[in-house]
Amino acid sequence: KIIDKKRQFEKEWVLYVSDYSIDECSKGIYLDNDGYIVSFVWGDNLIEKEILDKYLAKPDESIAVHTDKLLERLQDLWDFSYIKDPQIKQLLEFTCNTHDYGKMNSIFQRRVIKHFKFNPKIEVGHNVLSYFLIDLENIISKEDIPFVSNAVLNHHHYVDNYKVINEQSELIIAQLNQIFSSLGGRFLYYNVEKLVRNKSRRFLNEVYNVSIKNETQLIK
């Protein structure tokens, strides 16, 4: 039972949890000694497959199905030794799993059903939204996350992705809020404005600066 009571914990607003023991919450909610949420970690920091199966990646294919197909191709590359580094394979798996999260936005879902064309005036590219949705709990190391972020952000170039992030923050925030609202549950408690702020500016420069690295090109 999560009740709507807030306090400040290490300069971050968190929710107070009552009627659940630490053991009962250990499936994914980390608490401090007073029973306050410190962070969420579910699965391997991935959105559950059953959720992704409710959203389309293509007119005839859910995000979950599309992702599974990519992972099968990745396994082929590994089996035939095109990819030999286990760490690169792990990062690729994470990238494949998260690269289309942004397609959960309602404008994309409506467009893919109605076969409308992408309109940059009302929609943020799903690759840009996915960039903000990957690694919400900072599980990937600081050294590796720029490579994964670059690959996710730049797996499409409908527009200038960096310019969109720098100039359309309000539209990005609105569409991320819509995604979190449709997902419900734990996603309702993310601070979207802070998320967008943190993944812009300096971190975005780090992402841009690894563009020419071999690791980035391989993962992309």
Protein backbone atom coordinates (compact mmCIF):
# COMPACT_ATOMS: atom_id res chain seq x y z
CA LYS A 1 0.00 0.00 0.00
CA ILE A 2 1.62 3.23 -1.12
CA ILE A 3 0.15 6.27 0.53
CA ASP A 4 0.55 9.83 -0.66
CA LYS A 5 2.90 11.10 2.02
CA LYS A 6 6.20 12.70 1.04
CA ARG A 7 9.33 13.78 2.78
CA GLN A 8 12.77 14.83 1.67
CA PHE A 9 15.38 12.05 1.62
CA GLU A 10 18.89 12.96 0.49
CA LYS A 11 17.47 16.00 -1.33
CA GLU A 12 15.08 13.87 -3.40
CA TRP A 13 11.33 13.59 -2.98
CA VAL A 14 10.37 9.96 -2.41
CA LEU A 15 7.15 8.16 -1.49
CA TYR A 16 6.40 6.68 1.88
CA VAL A 17 5.53 2.98 1.88
CA SER A 18 3.41 1.40 4.60
CA ASP A 19 2.08 -2.11 5.26
CA TYR A 20 4.89 -3.84 3.35
CA SER A 21 7.97 -5.42 4.85
CA ILE A 22 11.42 -5.10 3.33
CA ASP A 23 11.18 -8.72 2.14
CA GLU A 24 7.87 -8.12 0.42
CA CYS A 25 9.30 -5.10 -1.33
CA SER A 26 12.57 -6.77 -2.31
CA LYS A 27 11.19 -7.73 -5.71
CA GLY A 28 12.10 -4.31 -6.97
CA ILE A 29 11.59 -1.50 -4.48
CA TYR A 30 14.56 -0.45 -2.38
CA LEU A 31 13.72 1.20 0.95
CA ASP A 32 15.65 3.04 3.61
CA ASN A 33 15.37 2.04 7.29
CA ASP A 34 12.28 4.24 7.77
CA GLY A 35 10.39 2.59 4.93
CA TYR A 36 10.92 5.25 2.29
CA ILE A 37 11.45 4.39 -1.36
CA VAL A 38 15.04 4.98 -2.42
CA SER A 39 14.79 3.52 -5.92
CA PHE A 40 12.98 1.12 -8.19
CA VAL A 41 14.78 -1.77 -9.89
CA TRP A 42 12.62 -4.27 -11.78
CA GLY A 43 13.87 -7.12 -13.93
CA ASP A 44 17.26 -6.14 -15.30
CA ASN A 45 16.19 -2.52 -15.39
CA LEU A 46 13.96 -3.33 -18.35
CA ILE A 47 10.26 -2.69 -18.94
CA GLU A 48 8.43 -6.00 -18.67
CA LYS A 49 7.81 -7.96 -21.87
CA GLU A 50 4.09 -8.28 -21.20
CA ILE A 51 3.85 -4.49 -21.15
CA LEU A 52 5.79 -4.10 -24.41
CA ASP A 53 3.52 -6.67 -26.04
CA LYS A 54 0.61 -4.20 -25.70
CA TYR A 55 2.29 -1.58 -27.92
CA LEU A 56 3.01 -1.73 -31.63
CA ALA A 57 6.46 -1.35 -33.15
CA LYS A 58 5.08 -1.90 -36.65
CA PRO A 59 1.51 -2.28 -37.96
CA ASP A 60 1.66 -6.05 -37.56
CA GLU A 61 4.21 -6.46 -34.78
CA SER A 62 4.40 -5.53 -31.11
CA ILE A 63 7.48 -3.97 -29.54
CA ALA A 64 8.05 -7.23 -27.64
CA VAL A 65 7.96 -9.34 -30.81
CA HIS A 66 10.16 -6.90 -32.71
CA THR A 67 12.66 -6.90 -29.85
CA ASP A 68 12.76 -10.69 -29.73
CA LYS A 69 13.58 -10.78 -33.44
CA LEU A 70 16.48 -8.39 -32.91
CA LEU A 71 17.80 -10.48 -30.06
CA GLU A 72 17.66 -13.57 -32.28
CA ARG A 73 19.77 -11.76 -34.91
CA LEU A 74 22.19 -10.72 -32.19
CA GLN A 75 22.54 -14.32 -31.11
CA ASP A 76 23.29 -15.25 -34.74
CA LEU A 77 26.08 -12.66 -34.82
CA TRP A 78 27.47 -14.10 -31.61
CA ASP A 79 27.19 -17.72 -32.77
CA PHE A 80 29.04 -16.94 -35.99
CA SER A 81 31.71 -14.94 -34.11
CA TYR A 82 30.97 -11.60 -35.76
CA ILE A 83 30.79 -10.36 -32.17
CA LYS A 84 33.39 -11.86 -29.85
CA ASP A 85 33.52 -9.52 -26.86
CA PRO A 86 31.06 -10.61 -24.11
CA GLN A 87 30.80 -7.06 -22.80
CA ILE A 88 29.83 -5.71 -26.23
CA LYS A 89 27.24 -8.48 -26.53
CA GLN A 90 25.79 -7.53 -23.15
CA LEU A 91 25.57 -3.86 -24.13
CA LEU A 92 23.99 -4.84 -27.44
CA GLU A 93 21.38 -6.92 -25.64
CA PHE A 94 20.50 -3.95 -23.47
CA THR A 95 20.36 -1.67 -26.52
CA CYS A 96 18.11 -4.06 -28.44
CA ASN A 97 15.77 -4.34 -25.47
CA THR A 98 15.42 -0.59 -24.95
CA HIS A 99 15.83 1.05 -28.36
CA ASP A 100 12.09 1.22 -29.17
CA TYR A 101 10.68 2.17 -25.77
CA GLY A 102 9.73 5.56 -27.23
CA LYS A 103 7.22 3.89 -29.53
CA MET A 104 4.90 3.55 -26.55
CA ASN A 105 3.82 7.18 -27.01
CA SER A 106 0.19 7.57 -28.10
CA ILE A 107 0.99 9.66 -31.19
CA PHE A 108 3.24 6.95 -32.60
CA GLN A 109 0.70 4.24 -31.77
CA ARG A 110 -2.07 6.15 -33.55
CA ARG A 111 0.20 6.92 -36.50
CA VAL A 112 1.31 3.33 -37.01
CA ILE A 113 -2.30 2.13 -36.98
CA LYS A 114 -3.59 4.89 -39.29
CA HIS A 115 -0.45 4.90 -41.47
CA PHE A 116 0.12 8.63 -40.98
CA LYS A 117 3.47 10.21 -41.79
CA PHE A 118 5.79 11.46 -39.07
CA ASN A 119 5.11 15.12 -38.23
CA PRO A 120 7.98 16.73 -36.25
CA LYS A 121 5.72 19.63 -35.23
CA ILE A 122 3.57 17.44 -32.99
CA GLU A 123 5.67 14.33 -32.37
CA VAL A 124 9.10 13.62 -30.97
CA GLY A 125 10.91 10.81 -32.76
CA HIS A 126 10.63 7.55 -30.85
CA ASN A 127 14.42 7.22 -30.83
CA VAL A 128 14.68 10.51 -28.92
CA LEU A 129 12.07 9.39 -26.40
CA SER A 130 13.81 6.01 -26.06
CA TYR A 131 17.03 7.85 -25.22
CA PHE A 132 15.34 9.29 -22.13
CA LEU A 133 13.70 5.99 -21.17
CA ILE A 134 16.75 3.71 -21.11
CA ASP A 135 18.54 2.94 -17.86
CA LEU A 136 16.12 4.79 -15.59
CA GLU A 137 17.87 3.39 -12.53
CA ASN A 138 21.46 4.01 -13.65
CA ILE A 139 22.40 0.33 -13.73
CA ILE A 140 24.74 0.58 -16.71
CA SER A 141 28.21 1.84 -15.76
CA LYS A 142 29.10 5.48 -16.31
CA GLU A 143 31.75 4.35 -18.78
CA ASP A 144 29.33 2.33 -20.92
CA ILE A 145 26.07 4.28 -20.84
CA PRO A 146 27.21 6.96 -23.37
CA PHE A 147 27.80 4.23 -25.98
CA VAL A 148 24.38 2.66 -25.45
CA SER A 149 22.69 6.07 -25.32
CA ASN A 150 24.32 7.17 -28.56
CA ALA A 151 23.25 4.00 -30.36
CA VAL A 152 19.64 4.30 -29.16
CA LEU A 153 19.39 8.01 -29.89
CA ASN A 154 20.90 7.77 -33.35
CA HIS A 155 19.39 4.57 -34.70
CA HIS A 156 17.14 6.94 -36.71
CA HIS A 157 17.82 10.38 -38.20
CA TYR A 158 14.40 11.72 -39.14
CA VAL A 159 15.55 15.05 -37.72
CA ASP A 160 18.60 16.50 -36.01
CA ASN A 161 18.31 14.49 -32.78
CA TYR A 162 20.58 16.74 -30.73
CA LYS A 163 18.76 19.86 -31.88
CA VAL A 164 15.41 18.36 -30.91
CA ILE A 165 16.67 17.60 -27.40
CA ASN A 166 18.05 21.11 -27.00
CA GLU A 167 15.06 22.96 -28.44
CA GLN A 168 11.94 20.87 -27.80
CA SER A 169 12.18 19.95 -24.14
CA GLU A 170 8.54 20.84 -23.44
CA LEU A 171 7.27 18.50 -26.16
CA ILE A 172 9.63 15.76 -24.95
CA ILE A 173 8.43 16.16 -21.36
CA ALA A 174 4.77 16.08 -22.45
CA GLN A 175 5.20 12.87 -24.44
CA LEU A 176 7.27 11.17 -21.74
CA ASN A 177 4.62 12.09 -19.17
CA GLN A 178 2.00 10.54 -21.45
CA ILE A 179 4.02 7.32 -21.70
CA PHE A 180 4.53 7.10 -17.94
CA SER A 181 0.84 7.84 -17.37
CA SER A 182 -0.23 5.06 -19.74
CA LEU A 183 2.17 2.61 -18.08
CA GLY A 184 0.94 3.50 -14.61
CA GLY A 185 2.27 1.82 -11.48
CA ARG A 186 5.82 2.69 -10.49
CA PHE A 187 6.25 4.86 -13.60
CA LEU A 188 3.90 7.47 -12.16
CA TYR A 189 6.55 8.44 -9.61
CA TYR A 190 9.37 9.47 -11.92
CA ASN A 191 10.25 13.15 -12.10
CA VAL A 192 10.16 13.61 -15.88
CA GLU A 193 11.41 17.19 -15.83
CA LYS A 194 14.48 16.13 -13.87
CA LEU A 195 15.00 13.11 -16.13
CA VAL A 196 15.03 15.32 -19.24
CA ARG A 197 17.28 17.87 -17.56
CA ASN A 198 19.80 15.24 -16.47
CA LYS A 199 20.04 13.63 -19.91
CA SER A 200 20.48 16.94 -21.67
CA ARG A 201 23.36 19.41 -21.39
CA ARG A 202 26.59 17.82 -20.13
CA PHE A 203 25.53 14.19 -20.47
CA LEU A 204 24.31 14.84 -24.01
CA ASN A 205 27.79 16.19 -24.82
CA GLU A 206 29.29 12.93 -23.53
CA VAL A 207 26.94 10.98 -25.76
CA TYR A 208 27.86 13.09 -28.77
CA ASN A 209 31.59 12.81 -28.08
CA VAL A 210 31.60 9.00 -28.34
CA SER A 211 30.01 9.06 -31.81
CA ILE A 212 33.20 8.11 -33.62
CA LYS A 213 34.31 5.46 -31.11
CA ASN A 214 34.46 1.90 -32.42
CA GLU A 215 32.26 0.66 -29.59
CA THR A 216 29.50 3.13 -30.53
CA GLN A 217 29.62 2.20 -34.21
CA LEU A 218 29.50 -1.50 -33.44
CA ILE A 219 26.57 -1.24 -31.03
CA LYS A 220 24.71 1.11 -33.39
